[in-house]
């Protein structure tokens, strides 16, 4: 065989971000979630282990999103149907003792509620562990829909 055959291994690059709609890179020094997206983002949610005490700002606020945080989750969406345009930046800033491993179950929805795939960049320091793919039981998605003047969000397992 040829020495150029694909061995099926990872050749580097963006690791978990190859071929995904939304790539999450890191929590920056200002506790902002750094992202890149090839699609407009109409909504997002993620879970946390209690580390997030508040969420604000970033491209979510600039797009007019309502940003809500609870003791276990952060949710961002627009009542008017506006989106965060495709591109990169800081999605949202988080308050509290925030670190990457305290955040989980990232779900993103595109315009019209279509599911956006999410990947996690490996920023060097590979610990040999999973960088955040499927953490159990399938993938859940937000569905964003509009009914006359009412917005509804539902989460479903895929």
C-alpha atoms as a PDB file:
ATOM      1  CA  UNK A   1       0.000   0.000   0.000  1.00  0.00           C
ATOM      2  CA  UNK A   2       0.853   3.651  -0.346  1.00  0.00           C
ATOM      3  CA  UNK A   3       2.431   5.577   2.504  1.00  0.00           C
ATOM      4  CA  UNK A   4      -0.240   8.245   1.953  1.00  0.00           C
ATOM      5  CA  UNK A   5      -3.173   6.081   3.020  1.00  0.00           C
ATOM      6  CA  UNK A   6      -5.478   7.532   5.639  1.00  0.00           C
ATOM      7  CA  UNK A   7      -4.910   5.674   8.904  1.00  0.00           C
ATOM      8  CA  UNK A   8      -8.138   7.079  10.327  1.00  0.00           C
ATOM      9  CA  UNK A   9      -6.215   8.995  12.965  1.00  0.00           C
ATOM     10  CA  UNK A  10      -6.503  12.672  13.752  1.00  0.00           C
ATOM     11  CA  UNK A  11      -4.103  14.757  11.696  1.00  0.00           C
ATOM     12  CA  UNK A  12      -4.378  17.855  13.881  1.00  0.00           C
ATOM     13  CA  UNK A  13      -6.206  20.936  12.713  1.00  0.00           C
ATOM     14  CA  UNK A  14      -9.216  22.081  14.685  1.00  0.00           C
ATOM     15  CA  UNK A  15      -9.744  18.673  16.297  1.00  0.00           C
ATOM     16  CA  UNK A  16     -13.348  18.641  17.484  1.00  0.00           C
ATOM     17  CA  UNK A  17     -14.295  21.600  15.295  1.00  0.00           C
ATOM     18  CA  UNK A  18     -13.820  20.038  11.884  1.00  0.00           C
ATOM     19  CA  UNK A  19     -17.084  20.186   9.942  1.00  0.00           C
ATOM     20  CA  UNK A  20     -19.183  21.682  12.764  1.00  0.00           C
ATOM     21  CA  UNK A  21     -21.368  24.801  12.659  1.00  0.00           C
ATOM     22  CA  UNK A  22     -20.243  26.296  15.995  1.00  0.00           C
ATOM     23  CA  UNK A  23     -16.752  25.890  17.435  1.00  0.00           C
ATOM     24  CA  UNK A  24     -16.112  26.744  21.088  1.00  0.00           C
ATOM     25  CA  UNK A  25     -12.488  27.618  21.805  1.00  0.00           C
ATOM     26  CA  UNK A  26     -12.003  28.683  25.394  1.00  0.00           C
ATOM     27  CA  UNK A  27     -13.061  30.768  28.357  1.00  0.00           C
ATOM     28  CA  UNK A  28     -10.943  33.910  27.959  1.00  0.00           C
ATOM     29  CA  UNK A  29      -9.355  35.997  30.740  1.00  0.00           C
ATOM     30  CA  UNK A  30     -12.581  38.062  31.016  1.00  0.00           C
ATOM     31  CA  UNK A  31     -14.691  34.880  31.507  1.00  0.00           C
ATOM     32  CA  UNK A  32     -16.082  35.149  27.983  1.00  0.00           C
ATOM     33  CA  UNK A  33     -16.861  32.081  25.867  1.00  0.00           C
ATOM     34  CA  UNK A  34     -14.825  32.475  22.660  1.00  0.00           C
ATOM     35  CA  UNK A  35     -16.563  30.961  19.624  1.00  0.00           C
ATOM     36  CA  UNK A  36     -16.606  30.815  15.842  1.00  0.00           C
ATOM     37  CA  UNK A  37     -19.726  30.011  13.820  1.00  0.00           C
ATOM     38  CA  UNK A  38     -20.361  29.367  10.138  1.00  0.00           C
ATOM     39  CA  UNK A  39     -24.121  29.847  10.680  1.00  0.00           C
ATOM     40  CA  UNK A  40     -26.301  32.537  12.247  1.00  0.00           C
ATOM     41  CA  UNK A  41     -27.129  31.615  15.862  1.00  0.00           C
ATOM     42  CA  UNK A  42     -30.772  32.041  16.940  1.00  0.00           C
ATOM     43  CA  UNK A  43     -30.412  30.581  20.419  1.00  0.00           C
ATOM     44  CA  UNK A  44     -28.164  28.697  22.773  1.00  0.00           C
ATOM     45  CA  UNK A  45     -28.212  26.972  26.116  1.00  0.00           C
ATOM     46  CA  UNK A  46     -25.719  25.092  28.236  1.00  0.00           C
ATOM     47  CA  UNK A  47     -25.564  23.479  31.635  1.00  0.00           C
ATOM     48  CA  UNK A  48     -23.147  24.180  34.464  1.00  0.00           C
ATOM     49  CA  UNK A  49     -22.345  22.666  37.838  1.00  0.00           C
ATOM     50  CA  UNK A  50     -23.224  25.792  39.826  1.00  0.00           C
ATOM     51  CA  UNK A  51     -20.087  27.706  38.784  1.00  0.00           C
ATOM     52  CA  UNK A  52     -22.018  30.410  36.858  1.00  0.00           C
ATOM     53  CA  UNK A  53     -23.538  33.168  38.990  1.00  0.00           C
ATOM     54  CA  UNK A  54     -24.546  35.395  36.094  1.00  0.00           C
ATOM     55  CA  UNK A  55     -24.331  35.801  32.318  1.00  0.00           C
ATOM     56  CA  UNK A  56     -24.307  39.003  30.256  1.00  0.00           C
ATOM     57  CA  UNK A  57     -22.940  40.855  27.280  1.00  0.00           C
ATOM     58  CA  UNK A  58     -20.932  39.528  24.368  1.00  0.00           C
ATOM     59  CA  UNK A  59     -22.322  39.003  20.894  1.00  0.00           C
ATOM     60  CA  UNK A  60     -25.534  37.638  22.429  1.00  0.00           C
ATOM     61  CA  UNK A  61     -26.346  40.987  24.057  1.00  0.00           C
ATOM     62  CA  UNK A  62     -25.217  42.898  20.950  1.00  0.00           C
ATOM     63  CA  UNK A  63     -27.761  40.877  18.925  1.00  0.00           C
ATOM     64  CA  UNK A  64     -30.534  41.805  21.376  1.00  0.00           C
ATOM     65  CA  UNK A  65     -30.738  38.377  22.993  1.00  0.00           C
ATOM     66  CA  UNK A  66     -32.387  37.810  26.333  1.00  0.00           C
ATOM     67  CA  UNK A  67     -29.725  36.131  28.467  1.00  0.00           C
ATOM     68  CA  UNK A  68     -30.873  34.136  31.474  1.00  0.00           C
ATOM     69  CA  UNK A  69     -28.886  32.124  33.989  1.00  0.00           C
ATOM     70  CA  UNK A  70     -30.032  29.820  36.762  1.00  0.00           C
ATOM     71  CA  UNK A  71     -28.231  27.640  39.287  1.00  0.00           C
ATOM     72  CA  UNK A  72     -27.660  24.995  36.602  1.00  0.00           C
ATOM     73  CA  UNK A  73     -28.087  26.520  33.121  1.00  0.00           C
ATOM     74  CA  UNK A  74     -27.556  29.537  30.877  1.00  0.00           C
ATOM     75  CA  UNK A  75     -30.016  30.341  28.082  1.00  0.00           C
ATOM     76  CA  UNK A  76     -29.808  32.954  25.335  1.00  0.00           C
ATOM     77  CA  UNK A  77     -32.357  33.747  22.622  1.00  0.00           C
ATOM     78  CA  UNK A  78     -34.247  36.607  21.008  1.00  0.00           C
ATOM     79  CA  UNK A  79     -37.935  37.373  21.447  1.00  0.00           C
ATOM     80  CA  UNK A  80     -37.828  39.241  18.121  1.00  0.00           C
ATOM     81  CA  UNK A  81     -36.142  36.545  16.033  1.00  0.00           C
ATOM     82  CA  UNK A  82     -32.812  38.337  15.705  1.00  0.00           C
ATOM     83  CA  UNK A  83     -29.684  36.227  15.379  1.00  0.00           C
ATOM     84  CA  UNK A  84     -25.990  36.422  16.158  1.00  0.00           C
ATOM     85  CA  UNK A  85     -24.454  36.666  12.685  1.00  0.00           C
ATOM     86  CA  UNK A  86     -22.010  34.001  11.502  1.00  0.00           C
ATOM     87  CA  UNK A  87     -18.477  34.925  12.529  1.00  0.00           C
ATOM     88  CA  UNK A  88     -16.399  34.799  15.650  1.00  0.00           C
ATOM     89  CA  UNK A  89     -16.091  36.630  18.929  1.00  0.00           C
ATOM     90  CA  UNK A  90     -17.246  36.280  22.512  1.00  0.00           C
ATOM     91  CA  UNK A  91     -20.666  34.636  22.798  1.00  0.00           C
ATOM     92  CA  UNK A  92     -21.424  35.718  26.367  1.00  0.00           C
ATOM     93  CA  UNK A  93     -19.540  36.680  29.535  1.00  0.00           C
ATOM     94  CA  UNK A  94     -19.989  34.594  32.671  1.00  0.00           C
ATOM     95  CA  UNK A  95     -19.760  35.649  36.326  1.00  0.00           C
ATOM     96  CA  UNK A  96     -18.636  33.289  39.068  1.00  0.00           C
ATOM     97  CA  UNK A  97     -15.806  30.806  39.477  1.00  0.00           C
ATOM     98  CA  UNK A  98     -16.001  29.681  35.840  1.00  0.00           C
ATOM     99  CA  UNK A  99     -13.689  27.146  34.209  1.00  0.00           C
ATOM    100  CA  UNK A 100     -14.168  25.067  31.070  1.00  0.00           C
ATOM    101  CA  UNK A 101     -14.907  21.748  32.814  1.00  0.00           C
ATOM    102  CA  UNK A 102     -17.790  23.256  34.819  1.00  0.00           C
ATOM    103  CA  UNK A 103     -19.763  23.887  31.576  1.00  0.00           C
ATOM    104  CA  UNK A 104     -21.537  21.102  29.690  1.00  0.00           C
ATOM    105  CA  UNK A 105     -24.333  20.164  27.269  1.00  0.00           C
ATOM    106  CA  UNK A 106     -23.944  23.042  24.792  1.00  0.00           C
ATOM    107  CA  UNK A 107     -26.932  23.343  22.468  1.00  0.00           C
ATOM    108  CA  UNK A 108     -27.178  25.835  19.587  1.00  0.00           C
ATOM    109  CA  UNK A 109     -30.081  26.576  17.242  1.00  0.00           C
ATOM    110  CA  UNK A 110     -29.940  28.346  13.906  1.00  0.00           C
ATOM    111  CA  UNK A 111     -32.461  30.543  12.168  1.00  0.00           C
ATOM    112  CA  UNK A 112     -35.754  28.686  11.862  1.00  0.00           C
ATOM    113  CA  UNK A 113     -34.783  26.432  14.756  1.00  0.00           C
ATOM    114  CA  UNK A 114     -32.489  24.082  12.840  1.00  0.00           C
ATOM    115  CA  UNK A 115     -29.952  22.214  14.925  1.00  0.00           C
ATOM    116  CA  UNK A 116     -26.399  23.564  14.798  1.00  0.00           C
ATOM    117  CA  UNK A 117     -23.596  21.104  15.439  1.00  0.00           C
ATOM    118  CA  UNK A 118     -21.122  22.095  18.163  1.00  0.00           C
ATOM    119  CA  UNK A 119     -17.447  21.224  18.463  1.00  0.00           C
ATOM    120  CA  UNK A 120     -14.762  21.966  20.997  1.00  0.00           C
ATOM    121  CA  UNK A 121     -11.310  23.108  19.897  1.00  0.00           C
ATOM    122  CA  UNK A 122      -8.316  21.428  21.460  1.00  0.00           C
ATOM    123  CA  UNK A 123      -6.033  24.309  22.402  1.00  0.00           C
ATOM    124  CA  UNK A 124      -2.839  22.302  22.746  1.00  0.00           C
ATOM    125  CA  UNK A 125      -2.367  20.670  26.185  1.00  0.00           C
ATOM    126  CA  UNK A 126      -3.984  17.355  25.239  1.00  0.00           C
ATOM    127  CA  UNK A 127      -4.725  15.386  28.372  1.00  0.00           C
ATOM    128  CA  UNK A 128      -5.732  12.351  26.347  1.00  0.00           C
ATOM    129  CA  UNK A 129      -9.327  12.724  27.525  1.00  0.00           C
ATOM    130  CA  UNK A 130     -12.493  13.490  25.636  1.00  0.00           C
ATOM    131  CA  UNK A 131     -12.688  17.147  24.700  1.00  0.00           C
ATOM    132  CA  UNK A 132     -16.438  17.449  25.132  1.00  0.00           C
ATOM    133  CA  UNK A 133     -18.240  15.337  22.559  1.00  0.00           C
ATOM    134  CA  UNK A 134     -21.250  13.277  23.589  1.00  0.00           C
ATOM    135  CA  UNK A 135     -21.466  13.148  27.359  1.00  0.00           C
ATOM    136  CA  UNK A 136     -24.232  10.601  27.554  1.00  0.00           C
ATOM    137  CA  UNK A 137     -27.525   9.449  26.164  1.00  0.00           C
ATOM    138  CA  UNK A 138     -27.632  11.241  22.826  1.00  0.00           C
ATOM    139  CA  UNK A 139     -27.659  14.858  21.875  1.00  0.00           C
ATOM    140  CA  UNK A 140     -30.351  17.321  22.855  1.00  0.00           C
ATOM    141  CA  UNK A 141     -31.294  20.355  20.817  1.00  0.00           C
ATOM    142  CA  UNK A 142     -33.233  23.548  21.363  1.00  0.00           C
ATOM    143  CA  UNK A 143     -36.127  24.069  19.036  1.00  0.00           C
ATOM    144  CA  UNK A 144     -37.076  27.711  18.551  1.00  0.00           C
ATOM    145  CA  UNK A 145     -40.438  28.382  17.016  1.00  0.00           C
ATOM    146  CA  UNK A 146     -42.749  31.310  16.469  1.00  0.00           C
ATOM    147  CA  UNK A 147     -46.517  31.178  16.650  1.00  0.00           C
ATOM    148  CA  UNK A 148     -48.152  34.505  15.767  1.00  0.00           C
ATOM    149  CA  UNK A 149     -46.660  36.769  18.475  1.00  0.00           C
ATOM    150  CA  UNK A 150     -45.453  33.972  20.748  1.00  0.00           C
ATOM    151  CA  UNK A 151     -41.984  32.459  20.984  1.00  0.00           C
ATOM    152  CA  UNK A 152     -41.579  28.954  22.272  1.00  0.00           C
ATOM    153  CA  UNK A 153     -38.471  26.954  23.131  1.00  0.00           C
ATOM    154  CA  UNK A 154     -38.431  23.216  23.606  1.00  0.00           C
ATOM    155  CA  UNK A 155     -35.588  20.816  24.262  1.00  0.00           C
ATOM    156  CA  UNK A 156     -35.655  17.354  22.788  1.00  0.00           C
ATOM    157  CA  UNK A 157     -33.359  14.348  22.779  1.00  0.00           C
ATOM    158  CA  UNK A 158     -32.117  13.207  19.384  1.00  0.00           C
END
